[in-house]
């Protein structure tokens, strides 16, 4: 009897929500669930702003600086100084010759090209005329929603319209057009000639430079000033900071109304009790204690909060 009442309530809420959509009512969002899969339902729920108190540092006394004088630094170094520049002497080496033979083309290669036409085959294929589509039906106040306010949760389900196809013919290339070549090789003869083996060249003979060692005093670092920083002094104060902005959650997949039975709720209550939460008696009713225990379990496990979604059922071990 209770299951029948839940089902009738879901039908009534579905009709009410669809009517509200048609009238362009007070729904604060206009996006649809992420997937168009038949037999699936989704929900959005309102969550409040979350704040935390944190300690922050404030400057009590600003940082400052002072200047100190740093004297110049010198050092004595030795270095090599050019005493006599180097120079280069030159020596001429004459060219040498040799006799070589090579092949000279008398008649070039000849090529004749013939073209073979392409071959085709006729085939048929199915062409999509109208793609498969669906229609979203939105419902208000599913049994999965924890809030007592019917404006806090919305559910959407999807209905299918099948695709239409037509048959058409098309040609497929079986063998592309190609060409063949008839080649007549080139004709050559052997000739002899005298060529340079090594060209004449000039050989360079370097004469190195001569150096001597000298000693002198050089500046390592000039006179300067050094800045010393005196750090700032801070004090700790308490501030209230926004952790997360409230509003509506993203679309979360939930059980459709006809699947949220008393036996399913009872199994959720038993699983919560076994994990150390306090959902109240396992009576199959989504009461205040059960909703409070579910919210705490979802918060502890980092799950979507505000409805009986599929991720929460999986975490509880309820199929």
C-alpha atoms as a PDB file:
ATOM      1  CA  UNK A   1       0.000   0.000   0.000  1.00  0.00           C
ATOM      2  CA  UNK A   2       2.848   2.436   0.887  1.00  0.00           C
ATOM      3  CA  UNK A   3       4.647   1.696  -2.429  1.00  0.00           C
ATOM      4  CA  UNK A   4       1.424   2.498  -4.344  1.00  0.00           C
ATOM      5  CA  UNK A   5       1.083   5.824  -2.456  1.00  0.00           C
ATOM      6  CA  UNK A   6       4.738   6.739  -3.311  1.00  0.00           C
ATOM      7  CA  UNK A   7       4.102   5.956  -6.985  1.00  0.00           C
ATOM      8  CA  UNK A   8       0.906   8.091  -7.085  1.00  0.00           C
ATOM      9  CA  UNK A   9       2.781  10.938  -5.348  1.00  0.00           C
ATOM     10  CA  UNK A  10       5.598  10.724  -7.954  1.00  0.00           C
ATOM     11  CA  UNK A  11       3.046  10.921 -10.820  1.00  0.00           C
ATOM     12  CA  UNK A  12       1.388  13.960  -9.233  1.00  0.00           C
ATOM     13  CA  UNK A  13       4.737  15.747  -8.686  1.00  0.00           C
ATOM     14  CA  UNK A  14       5.854  14.889 -12.257  1.00  0.00           C
ATOM     15  CA  UNK A  15       2.670  16.501 -13.643  1.00  0.00           C
ATOM     16  CA  UNK A  16       3.117  19.565 -11.412  1.00  0.00           C
ATOM     17  CA  UNK A  17       6.780  20.040 -12.445  1.00  0.00           C
ATOM     18  CA  UNK A  18       6.008  19.638 -16.184  1.00  0.00           C
ATOM     19  CA  UNK A  19       3.257  22.261 -15.834  1.00  0.00           C
ATOM     20  CA  UNK A  20       5.673  24.639 -14.085  1.00  0.00           C
ATOM     21  CA  UNK A  21       8.220  24.224 -16.902  1.00  0.00           C
ATOM     22  CA  UNK A  22       5.533  25.007 -19.495  1.00  0.00           C
ATOM     23  CA  UNK A  23       4.607  28.203 -17.623  1.00  0.00           C
ATOM     24  CA  UNK A  24       8.303  29.335 -17.348  1.00  0.00           C
ATOM     25  CA  UNK A  25       8.170  29.255 -13.528  1.00  0.00           C
ATOM     26  CA  UNK A  26      10.730  30.007 -10.816  1.00  0.00           C
ATOM     27  CA  UNK A  27      13.318  27.281 -11.658  1.00  0.00           C
ATOM     28  CA  UNK A  28      16.744  29.019 -11.164  1.00  0.00           C
ATOM     29  CA  UNK A  29      18.523  27.123 -14.008  1.00  0.00           C
ATOM     30  CA  UNK A  30      17.796  26.125 -17.633  1.00  0.00           C
ATOM     31  CA  UNK A  31      20.322  23.325 -18.345  1.00  0.00           C
ATOM     32  CA  UNK A  32      19.349  19.657 -18.846  1.00  0.00           C
ATOM     33  CA  UNK A  33      20.943  16.512 -17.368  1.00  0.00           C
ATOM     34  CA  UNK A  34      24.306  15.475 -18.974  1.00  0.00           C
ATOM     35  CA  UNK A  35      23.169  12.266 -20.786  1.00  0.00           C
ATOM     36  CA  UNK A  36      20.145  11.292 -22.877  1.00  0.00           C
ATOM     37  CA  UNK A  37      19.731   7.702 -21.638  1.00  0.00           C
ATOM     38  CA  UNK A  38      16.319   6.121 -21.258  1.00  0.00           C
ATOM     39  CA  UNK A  39      15.241   4.955 -17.813  1.00  0.00           C
ATOM     40  CA  UNK A  40      17.621   7.335 -15.956  1.00  0.00           C
ATOM     41  CA  UNK A  41      16.677  10.239 -13.634  1.00  0.00           C
ATOM     42  CA  UNK A  42      18.745  13.172 -12.303  1.00  0.00           C
ATOM     43  CA  UNK A  43      18.322  15.780  -9.539  1.00  0.00           C
ATOM     44  CA  UNK A  44      19.672  19.198  -8.415  1.00  0.00           C
ATOM     45  CA  UNK A  45      19.470  20.284  -4.751  1.00  0.00           C
ATOM     46  CA  UNK A  46      20.060  23.614  -2.962  1.00  0.00           C
ATOM     47  CA  UNK A  47      23.046  23.813  -0.552  1.00  0.00           C
ATOM     48  CA  UNK A  48      23.933  26.733   1.823  1.00  0.00           C
ATOM     49  CA  UNK A  49      27.175  28.803   1.905  1.00  0.00           C
ATOM     50  CA  UNK A  50      29.975  27.224   3.993  1.00  0.00           C
ATOM     51  CA  UNK A  51      32.349  29.383   6.107  1.00  0.00           C
ATOM     52  CA  UNK A  52      35.441  28.702   8.257  1.00  0.00           C
ATOM     53  CA  UNK A  53      37.415  30.721  10.813  1.00  0.00           C
ATOM     54  CA  UNK A  54      41.137  31.063   9.925  1.00  0.00           C
ATOM     55  CA  UNK A  55      44.169  32.750  11.430  1.00  0.00           C
ATOM     56  CA  UNK A  56      45.903  35.362   9.249  1.00  0.00           C
ATOM     57  CA  UNK A  57      49.012  37.447   9.809  1.00  0.00           C
ATOM     58  CA  UNK A  58      48.823  41.253   9.802  1.00  0.00           C
ATOM     59  CA  UNK A  59      51.838  43.594   9.710  1.00  0.00           C
ATOM     60  CA  UNK A  60      52.469  45.181  13.121  1.00  0.00           C
ATOM     61  CA  UNK A  61      55.679  46.975  12.081  1.00  0.00           C
ATOM     62  CA  UNK A  62      56.796  47.440   8.463  1.00  0.00           C
ATOM     63  CA  UNK A  63      60.198  46.111   7.276  1.00  0.00           C
ATOM     64  CA  UNK A  64      63.026  48.712   6.955  1.00  0.00           C
ATOM     65  CA  UNK A  65      66.607  48.989   5.611  1.00  0.00           C
ATOM     66  CA  UNK A  66      69.945  50.622   6.576  1.00  0.00           C
ATOM     67  CA  UNK A  67      73.069  51.343   4.458  1.00  0.00           C
ATOM     68  CA  UNK A  68      76.699  50.349   5.289  1.00  0.00           C
ATOM     69  CA  UNK A  69      79.867  51.468   3.412  1.00  0.00           C
ATOM     70  CA  UNK A  70      82.010  48.672   1.861  1.00  0.00           C
ATOM     71  CA  UNK A  71      85.629  49.676   0.881  1.00  0.00           C
ATOM     72  CA  UNK A  72      87.206  48.844  -2.495  1.00  0.00           C
ATOM     73  CA  UNK A  73      89.280  45.623  -2.848  1.00  0.00           C
ATOM     74  CA  UNK A  74      92.499  45.275  -4.907  1.00  0.00           C
ATOM     75  CA  UNK A  75      94.829  42.372  -5.794  1.00  0.00           C
ATOM     76  CA  UNK A  76      98.240  41.943  -7.447  1.00  0.00           C
ATOM     77  CA  UNK A  77      98.241  39.864 -10.678  1.00  0.00           C
ATOM     78  CA  UNK A  78     100.756  38.772 -13.284  1.00  0.00           C
ATOM     79  CA  UNK A  79      99.989  38.564 -17.017  1.00  0.00           C
ATOM     80  CA  UNK A  80     101.686  37.770 -20.314  1.00  0.00           C
ATOM     81  CA  UNK A  81     102.433  40.840 -22.507  1.00  0.00           C
ATOM     82  CA  UNK A  82     103.284  40.637 -26.235  1.00  0.00           C
ATOM     83  CA  UNK A  83     107.012  41.406 -26.807  1.00  0.00           C
ATOM     84  CA  UNK A  84     107.206  40.528 -30.545  1.00  0.00           C
ATOM     85  CA  UNK A  85     104.332  39.781 -32.880  1.00  0.00           C
ATOM     86  CA  UNK A  86     104.168  36.484 -34.732  1.00  0.00           C
ATOM     87  CA  UNK A  87     104.180  36.329 -38.549  1.00  0.00           C
ATOM     88  CA  UNK A  88     103.692  33.846 -41.421  1.00  0.00           C
ATOM     89  CA  UNK A  89     106.080  32.617 -44.152  1.00  0.00           C
ATOM     90  CA  UNK A  90     104.700  31.280 -47.495  1.00  0.00           C
ATOM     91  CA  UNK A  91     105.898  28.419 -49.789  1.00  0.00           C
ATOM     92  CA  UNK A  92     104.437  27.765 -53.337  1.00  0.00           C
ATOM     93  CA  UNK A  93     103.765  24.089 -54.366  1.00  0.00           C
ATOM     94  CA  UNK A  94     103.008  23.565 -58.150  1.00  0.00           C
ATOM     95  CA  UNK A  95      99.949  21.652 -59.472  1.00  0.00           C
ATOM     96  CA  UNK A  96     100.067  17.944 -60.582  1.00  0.00           C
ATOM     97  CA  UNK A  97      97.990  16.276 -63.394  1.00  0.00           C
ATOM     98  CA  UNK A  98      96.570  12.797 -64.297  1.00  0.00           C
ATOM     99  CA  UNK A  99      94.768  11.100 -67.218  1.00  0.00           C
ATOM    100  CA  UNK A 100      91.212   9.748 -66.592  1.00  0.00           C
ATOM    101  CA  UNK A 101      88.540   7.986 -68.668  1.00  0.00           C
ATOM    102  CA  UNK A 102      84.774   8.614 -68.369  1.00  0.00           C
ATOM    103  CA  UNK A 103      81.482   7.588 -69.967  1.00  0.00           C
ATOM    104  CA  UNK A 104      79.839  10.237 -72.203  1.00  0.00           C
ATOM    105  CA  UNK A 105      76.158   9.909 -73.231  1.00  0.00           C
ATOM    106  CA  UNK A 106      75.691   9.708 -77.016  1.00  0.00           C
ATOM    107  CA  UNK A 107      71.893   9.157 -77.038  1.00  0.00           C
ATOM    108  CA  UNK A 108      69.572   9.869 -74.021  1.00  0.00           C
ATOM    109  CA  UNK A 109      67.110   7.402 -72.479  1.00  0.00           C
ATOM    110  CA  UNK A 110      63.607   7.397 -74.090  1.00  0.00           C
ATOM    111  CA  UNK A 111      60.326   6.690 -72.248  1.00  0.00           C
ATOM    112  CA  UNK A 112      56.839   6.021 -73.696  1.00  0.00           C
ATOM    113  CA  UNK A 113      53.869   6.245 -71.245  1.00  0.00           C
ATOM    114  CA  UNK A 114      50.494   4.381 -71.620  1.00  0.00           C
ATOM    115  CA  UNK A 115      47.382   5.155 -69.425  1.00  0.00           C
ATOM    116  CA  UNK A 116      45.056   2.410 -68.028  1.00  0.00           C
ATOM    117  CA  UNK A 117      41.524   3.665 -67.005  1.00  0.00           C
ATOM    118  CA  UNK A 118      40.118   3.269 -63.448  1.00  0.00           C
ATOM    119  CA  UNK A 119      37.530   0.551 -62.502  1.00  0.00           C
ATOM    120  CA  UNK A 120      34.443   1.159 -60.274  1.00  0.00           C
ATOM    121  CA  UNK A 121      31.771  -0.962 -58.473  1.00  0.00           C
ATOM    122  CA  UNK A 122      28.200   0.113 -57.523  1.00  0.00           C
ATOM    123  CA  UNK A 123      27.168  -0.448 -53.855  1.00  0.00           C
ATOM    124  CA  UNK A 124      24.252   0.548 -51.555  1.00  0.00           C
ATOM    125  CA  UNK A 125      24.266   2.109 -48.067  1.00  0.00           C
ATOM    126  CA  UNK A 126      21.847   3.317 -45.360  1.00  0.00           C
ATOM    127  CA  UNK A 127      21.699   7.119 -44.969  1.00  0.00           C
ATOM    128  CA  UNK A 128      20.313   8.756 -41.825  1.00  0.00           C
ATOM    129  CA  UNK A 129      17.363  11.059 -42.621  1.00  0.00           C
ATOM    130  CA  UNK A 130      16.165  11.835 -39.098  1.00  0.00           C
ATOM    131  CA  UNK A 131      18.462  11.027 -36.102  1.00  0.00           C
ATOM    132  CA  UNK A 132      17.225   9.341 -32.960  1.00  0.00           C
ATOM    133  CA  UNK A 133      16.113  11.945 -30.431  1.00  0.00           C
ATOM    134  CA  UNK A 134      14.458  12.142 -27.060  1.00  0.00           C
ATOM    135  CA  UNK A 135      12.363  14.410 -24.895  1.00  0.00           C
ATOM    136  CA  UNK A 136      13.153  15.408 -21.302  1.00  0.00           C
ATOM    137  CA  UNK A 137      10.298  15.262 -18.769  1.00  0.00           C
ATOM    138  CA  UNK A 138      11.061  17.184 -15.567  1.00  0.00           C
ATOM    139  CA  UNK A 139       9.480  16.273 -12.227  1.00  0.00           C
ATOM    140  CA  UNK A 140       9.398  18.123  -8.905  1.00  0.00           C
ATOM    141  CA  UNK A 141       9.964  16.718  -5.371  1.00  0.00           C
ATOM    142  CA  UNK A 142      11.234  13.148  -5.841  1.00  0.00           C
ATOM    143  CA  UNK A 143      11.287  10.821  -2.761  1.00  0.00           C
ATOM    144  CA  UNK A 144      15.098  10.932  -3.219  1.00  0.00           C
ATOM    145  CA  UNK A 145      15.285  14.600  -2.129  1.00  0.00           C
ATOM    146  CA  UNK A 146      16.001  15.312   1.545  1.00  0.00           C
ATOM    147  CA  UNK A 147      14.536  18.826   1.663  1.00  0.00           C
ATOM    148  CA  UNK A 148      10.923  19.448   2.715  1.00  0.00           C
ATOM    149  CA  UNK A 149      10.763  22.431   0.299  1.00  0.00           C
ATOM    150  CA  UNK A 150       9.514  21.187  -3.143  1.00  0.00           C
ATOM    151  CA  UNK A 151      11.485  24.002  -4.877  1.00  0.00           C
ATOM    152  CA  UNK A 152      14.863  22.611  -3.732  1.00  0.00           C
ATOM    153  CA  UNK A 153      15.087  19.428  -5.896  1.00  0.00           C
ATOM    154  CA  UNK A 154      14.214  18.720  -9.517  1.00  0.00           C
ATOM    155  CA  UNK A 155      14.192  15.412 -11.424  1.00  0.00           C
ATOM    156  CA  UNK A 156      14.382  14.896 -15.226  1.00  0.00           C
ATOM    157  CA  UNK A 157      13.697  11.658 -17.196  1.00  0.00           C
ATOM    158  CA  UNK A 158      14.233  11.061 -20.952  1.00  0.00           C
ATOM    159  CA  UNK A 159      11.886   9.452 -23.573  1.00  0.00           C
ATOM    160  CA  UNK A 160      13.072   8.025 -26.961  1.00  0.00           C
ATOM    161  CA  UNK A 161      11.993   8.846 -30.601  1.00  0.00           C
ATOM    162  CA  UNK A 162      13.749   6.348 -33.018  1.00  0.00           C
ATOM    163  CA  UNK A 163      15.867   7.401 -36.049  1.00  0.00           C
ATOM    164  CA  UNK A 164      14.753   7.077 -39.742  1.00  0.00           C
ATOM    165  CA  UNK A 165      17.032   5.851 -42.639  1.00  0.00           C
ATOM    166  CA  UNK A 166      16.870   5.632 -46.493  1.00  0.00           C
ATOM    167  CA  UNK A 167      18.810   3.433 -48.968  1.00  0.00           C
ATOM    168  CA  UNK A 168      20.982   5.036 -51.694  1.00  0.00           C
ATOM    169  CA  UNK A 169      23.450   3.772 -54.305  1.00  0.00           C
ATOM    170  CA  UNK A 170      27.072   4.945 -54.707  1.00  0.00           C
ATOM    171  CA  UNK A 171      30.204   3.950 -56.666  1.00  0.00           C
ATOM    172  CA  UNK A 172      33.404   2.631 -55.054  1.00  0.00           C
ATOM    173  CA  UNK A 173      36.804   2.755 -56.751  1.00  0.00           C
ATOM    174  CA  UNK A 174      38.019  -0.838 -57.229  1.00  0.00           C
ATOM    175  CA  UNK A 175      41.186  -0.124 -59.201  1.00  0.00           C
ATOM    176  CA  UNK A 176      42.554   3.425 -59.751  1.00  0.00           C
ATOM    177  CA  UNK A 177      43.767   4.678 -63.119  1.00  0.00           C
ATOM    178  CA  UNK A 178      47.450   3.878 -63.743  1.00  0.00           C
ATOM    179  CA  UNK A 179      50.223   4.263 -66.310  1.00  0.00           C
ATOM    180  CA  UNK A 180      52.911   1.972 -67.717  1.00  0.00           C
ATOM    181  CA  UNK A 181      56.264   2.964 -69.177  1.00  0.00           C
ATOM    182  CA  UNK A 182      58.255   1.494 -72.091  1.00  0.00           C
ATOM    183  CA  UNK A 183      61.916   2.514 -71.541  1.00  0.00           C
ATOM    184  CA  UNK A 184      64.695   2.585 -74.200  1.00  0.00           C
ATOM    185  CA  UNK A 185      68.078   2.853 -72.369  1.00  0.00           C
ATOM    186  CA  UNK A 186      70.609   5.625 -73.116  1.00  0.00           C
ATOM    187  CA  UNK A 187      73.794   4.988 -75.186  1.00  0.00           C
ATOM    188  CA  UNK A 188      77.317   5.937 -73.959  1.00  0.00           C
ATOM    189  CA  UNK A 189      80.977   5.982 -75.240  1.00  0.00           C
ATOM    190  CA  UNK A 190      84.321   6.056 -73.348  1.00  0.00           C
ATOM    191  CA  UNK A 191      86.655   9.109 -73.700  1.00  0.00           C
ATOM    192  CA  UNK A 192      90.052   9.972 -72.097  1.00  0.00           C
ATOM    193  CA  UNK A 193      91.201  13.402 -70.843  1.00  0.00           C
ATOM    194  CA  UNK A 194      93.939  15.024 -68.715  1.00  0.00           C
ATOM    195  CA  UNK A 195      92.788  16.686 -65.502  1.00  0.00           C
ATOM    196  CA  UNK A 196      94.349  18.356 -62.472  1.00  0.00           C
ATOM    197  CA  UNK A 197      95.189  15.832 -59.744  1.00  0.00           C
ATOM    198  CA  UNK A 198      96.232  18.419 -57.118  1.00  0.00           C
ATOM    199  CA  UNK A 199      95.966  22.183 -57.813  1.00  0.00           C
ATOM    200  CA  UNK A 200      98.835  24.569 -57.167  1.00  0.00           C
ATOM    201  CA  UNK A 201      98.777  25.833 -53.596  1.00  0.00           C
ATOM    202  CA  UNK A 202     100.588  28.099 -51.169  1.00  0.00           C
ATOM    203  CA  UNK A 203     101.672  26.555 -47.873  1.00  0.00           C
ATOM    204  CA  UNK A 204     101.697  28.808 -44.785  1.00  0.00           C
ATOM    205  CA  UNK A 205     104.503  28.412 -42.213  1.00  0.00           C
ATOM    206  CA  UNK A 206     103.564  30.314 -38.989  1.00  0.00           C
ATOM    207  CA  UNK A 207     106.279  31.896 -36.810  1.00  0.00           C
ATOM    208  CA  UNK A 208     104.928  32.251 -33.208  1.00  0.00           C
ATOM    209  CA  UNK A 209     104.831  35.527 -31.270  1.00  0.00           C
ATOM    210  CA  UNK A 210     107.078  36.169 -28.237  1.00  0.00           C
ATOM    211  CA  UNK A 211     105.707  37.218 -24.796  1.00  0.00           C
ATOM    212  CA  UNK A 212     107.044  38.511 -21.426  1.00  0.00           C
ATOM    213  CA  UNK A 213     105.543  38.399 -17.869  1.00  0.00           C
ATOM    214  CA  UNK A 214     104.595  41.662 -16.028  1.00  0.00           C
ATOM    215  CA  UNK A 215     103.089  42.297 -12.535  1.00  0.00           C
ATOM    216  CA  UNK A 216     100.405  44.950 -11.741  1.00  0.00           C
ATOM    217  CA  UNK A 217      97.748  45.907  -9.137  1.00  0.00           C
ATOM    218  CA  UNK A 218      94.112  45.672 -10.294  1.00  0.00           C
ATOM    219  CA  UNK A 219      90.697  46.586  -8.797  1.00  0.00           C
ATOM    220  CA  UNK A 220      88.698  43.473  -7.737  1.00  0.00           C
ATOM    221  CA  UNK A 221      85.573  45.293  -6.465  1.00  0.00           C
ATOM    222  CA  UNK A 222      84.974  49.073  -6.268  1.00  0.00           C
ATOM    223  CA  UNK A 223      83.899  50.950  -3.162  1.00  0.00           C
ATOM    224  CA  UNK A 224      80.142  50.440  -2.578  1.00  0.00           C
ATOM    225  CA  UNK A 225      77.305  50.567  -0.055  1.00  0.00           C
ATOM    226  CA  UNK A 226      75.499  47.531   1.349  1.00  0.00           C
ATOM    227  CA  UNK A 227      71.803  47.550   2.256  1.00  0.00           C
ATOM    228  CA  UNK A 228      70.765  45.546   5.342  1.00  0.00           C
ATOM    229  CA  UNK A 229      67.096  44.578   5.701  1.00  0.00           C
ATOM    230  CA  UNK A 230      65.305  44.688   9.057  1.00  0.00           C
ATOM    231  CA  UNK A 231      62.370  42.260   8.801  1.00  0.00           C
ATOM    232  CA  UNK A 232      58.753  43.248   9.481  1.00  0.00           C
ATOM    233  CA  UNK A 233      56.910  42.262  12.690  1.00  0.00           C
ATOM    234  CA  UNK A 234      53.583  40.406  12.341  1.00  0.00           C
ATOM    235  CA  UNK A 235      50.634  39.541  14.608  1.00  0.00           C
ATOM    236  CA  UNK A 236      47.929  36.832  14.228  1.00  0.00           C
ATOM    237  CA  UNK A 237      44.204  37.724  13.981  1.00  0.00           C
ATOM    238  CA  UNK A 238      41.062  35.649  13.340  1.00  0.00           C
ATOM    239  CA  UNK A 239      38.968  36.061  10.159  1.00  0.00           C
ATOM    240  CA  UNK A 240      35.752  34.409   8.885  1.00  0.00           C
ATOM    241  CA  UNK A 241      36.293  33.172   5.308  1.00  0.00           C
ATOM    242  CA  UNK A 242      33.888  31.716   2.709  1.00  0.00           C
ATOM    243  CA  UNK A 243      34.913  28.103   1.923  1.00  0.00           C
ATOM    244  CA  UNK A 244      32.284  27.308  -0.704  1.00  0.00           C
ATOM    245  CA  UNK A 245      29.448  29.302  -2.228  1.00  0.00           C
ATOM    246  CA  UNK A 246      25.958  27.857  -1.787  1.00  0.00           C
ATOM    247  CA  UNK A 247      23.467  27.326  -4.595  1.00  0.00           C
ATOM    248  CA  UNK A 248      22.242  24.392  -6.599  1.00  0.00           C
ATOM    249  CA  UNK A 249      24.357  21.239  -7.042  1.00  0.00           C
ATOM    250  CA  UNK A 250      25.192  19.815 -10.476  1.00  0.00           C
ATOM    251  CA  UNK A 251      22.914  17.197 -12.042  1.00  0.00           C
ATOM    252  CA  UNK A 252      23.376  13.955 -10.044  1.00  0.00           C
ATOM    253  CA  UNK A 253      21.982  10.598 -11.157  1.00  0.00           C
ATOM    254  CA  UNK A 254      19.365   9.271  -8.682  1.00  0.00           C
ATOM    255  CA  UNK A 255      16.840   6.447  -8.474  1.00  0.00           C
ATOM    256  CA  UNK A 256      13.644   7.239 -10.410  1.00  0.00           C
ATOM    257  CA  UNK A 257      10.507   7.553  -8.227  1.00  0.00           C
ATOM    258  CA  UNK A 258       9.181   4.090  -9.102  1.00  0.00           C
ATOM    259  CA  UNK A 259      12.480   2.509  -7.935  1.00  0.00           C
ATOM    260  CA  UNK A 260      12.650   4.335  -4.559  1.00  0.00           C
ATOM    261  CA  UNK A 261      10.720   1.643  -2.674  1.00  0.00           C
ATOM    262  CA  UNK A 262      10.296   1.164   1.079  1.00  0.00           C
ATOM    263  CA  UNK A 263      12.526  -1.919   0.929  1.00  0.00           C
ATOM    264  CA  UNK A 264      15.276   0.129  -0.792  1.00  0.00           C
ATOM    265  CA  UNK A 265      15.085   2.841   1.929  1.00  0.00           C
ATOM    266  CA  UNK A 266      15.131   0.128   4.620  1.00  0.00           C
ATOM    267  CA  UNK A 267      18.361  -1.342   3.152  1.00  0.00           C
ATOM    268  CA  UNK A 268      19.900   2.152   3.188  1.00  0.00           C
ATOM    269  CA  UNK A 269      18.939   2.570   6.855  1.00  0.00           C
ATOM    270  CA  UNK A 270      20.453  -0.825   7.734  1.00  0.00           C
ATOM    271  CA  UNK A 271      23.695   0.009   5.858  1.00  0.00           C
ATOM    272  CA  UNK A 272      24.004   3.403   7.635  1.00  0.00           C
ATOM    273  CA  UNK A 273      23.485   1.801  11.034  1.00  0.00           C
ATOM    274  CA  UNK A 274      26.098  -0.873  10.267  1.00  0.00           C
ATOM    275  CA  UNK A 275      28.641   1.884   9.377  1.00  0.00           C
ATOM    276  CA  UNK A 276      28.103   3.683  12.717  1.00  0.00           C
ATOM    277  CA  UNK A 277      25.549   6.340  11.718  1.00  0.00           C
ATOM    278  CA  UNK A 278      22.120   6.868  13.375  1.00  0.00           C
ATOM    279  CA  UNK A 279      19.311   6.730  10.777  1.00  0.00           C
ATOM    280  CA  UNK A 280      16.613   5.754  13.310  1.00  0.00           C
ATOM    281  CA  UNK A 281      14.507   2.577  13.016  1.00  0.00           C
ATOM    282  CA  UNK A 282      14.763   0.568   9.753  1.00  0.00           C
ATOM    283  CA  UNK A 283      11.120   1.314   8.804  1.00  0.00           C
ATOM    284  CA  UNK A 284      11.608   2.155   5.075  1.00  0.00           C
ATOM    285  CA  UNK A 285      10.601   5.824   5.607  1.00  0.00           C
ATOM    286  CA  UNK A 286      12.939   8.687   4.568  1.00  0.00           C
ATOM    287  CA  UNK A 287      12.460  10.629   7.817  1.00  0.00           C
ATOM    288  CA  UNK A 288      14.507  13.455   9.403  1.00  0.00           C
ATOM    289  CA  UNK A 289      16.899  11.068  11.217  1.00  0.00           C
ATOM    290  CA  UNK A 290      17.550   9.069   8.048  1.00  0.00           C
ATOM    291  CA  UNK A 291      18.128  12.273   6.021  1.00  0.00           C
ATOM    292  CA  UNK A 292      20.521  13.658   8.678  1.00  0.00           C
ATOM    293  CA  UNK A 293      22.509  10.394   8.816  1.00  0.00           C
ATOM    294  CA  UNK A 294      22.716  10.292   4.995  1.00  0.00           C
ATOM    295  CA  UNK A 295      23.970  13.913   4.808  1.00  0.00           C
ATOM    296  CA  UNK A 296      26.697  13.157   7.385  1.00  0.00           C
ATOM    297  CA  UNK A 297      27.737   9.964   5.520  1.00  0.00           C
ATOM    298  CA  UNK A 298      27.879  11.871   2.190  1.00  0.00           C
ATOM    299  CA  UNK A 299      29.925  14.677   3.777  1.00  0.00           C
ATOM    300  CA  UNK A 300      32.407  12.214   5.349  1.00  0.00           C
ATOM    301  CA  UNK A 301      32.851  10.295   2.059  1.00  0.00           C
ATOM    302  CA  UNK A 302      32.964  13.343  -0.258  1.00  0.00           C
ATOM    303  CA  UNK A 303      29.759  12.279  -2.080  1.00  0.00           C
ATOM    304  CA  UNK A 304      27.047  14.459  -3.717  1.00  0.00           C
ATOM    305  CA  UNK A 305      24.805  15.809  -0.921  1.00  0.00           C
ATOM    306  CA  UNK A 306      21.056  16.432  -0.825  1.00  0.00           C
ATOM    307  CA  UNK A 307      19.456  13.362  -2.426  1.00  0.00           C
ATOM    308  CA  UNK A 308      19.605   9.559  -2.547  1.00  0.00           C
ATOM    309  CA  UNK A 309      21.948   9.353  -5.565  1.00  0.00           C
ATOM    310  CA  UNK A 310      23.565   6.325  -7.234  1.00  0.00           C
ATOM    311  CA  UNK A 311      27.081   7.181  -5.937  1.00  0.00           C
ATOM    312  CA  UNK A 312      25.773   7.117  -2.334  1.00  0.00           C
ATOM    313  CA  UNK A 313      23.982   3.782  -2.900  1.00  0.00           C
ATOM    314  CA  UNK A 314      27.200   2.282  -4.305  1.00  0.00           C
ATOM    315  CA  UNK A 315      29.240   3.563  -1.309  1.00  0.00           C
ATOM    316  CA  UNK A 316      26.683   1.989   1.059  1.00  0.00           C
ATOM    317  CA  UNK A 317      26.813  -1.337  -0.802  1.00  0.00           C
ATOM    318  CA  UNK A 318      23.121  -1.141  -1.781  1.00  0.00           C
ATOM    319  CA  UNK A 319      22.443  -2.385  -5.349  1.00  0.00           C
END
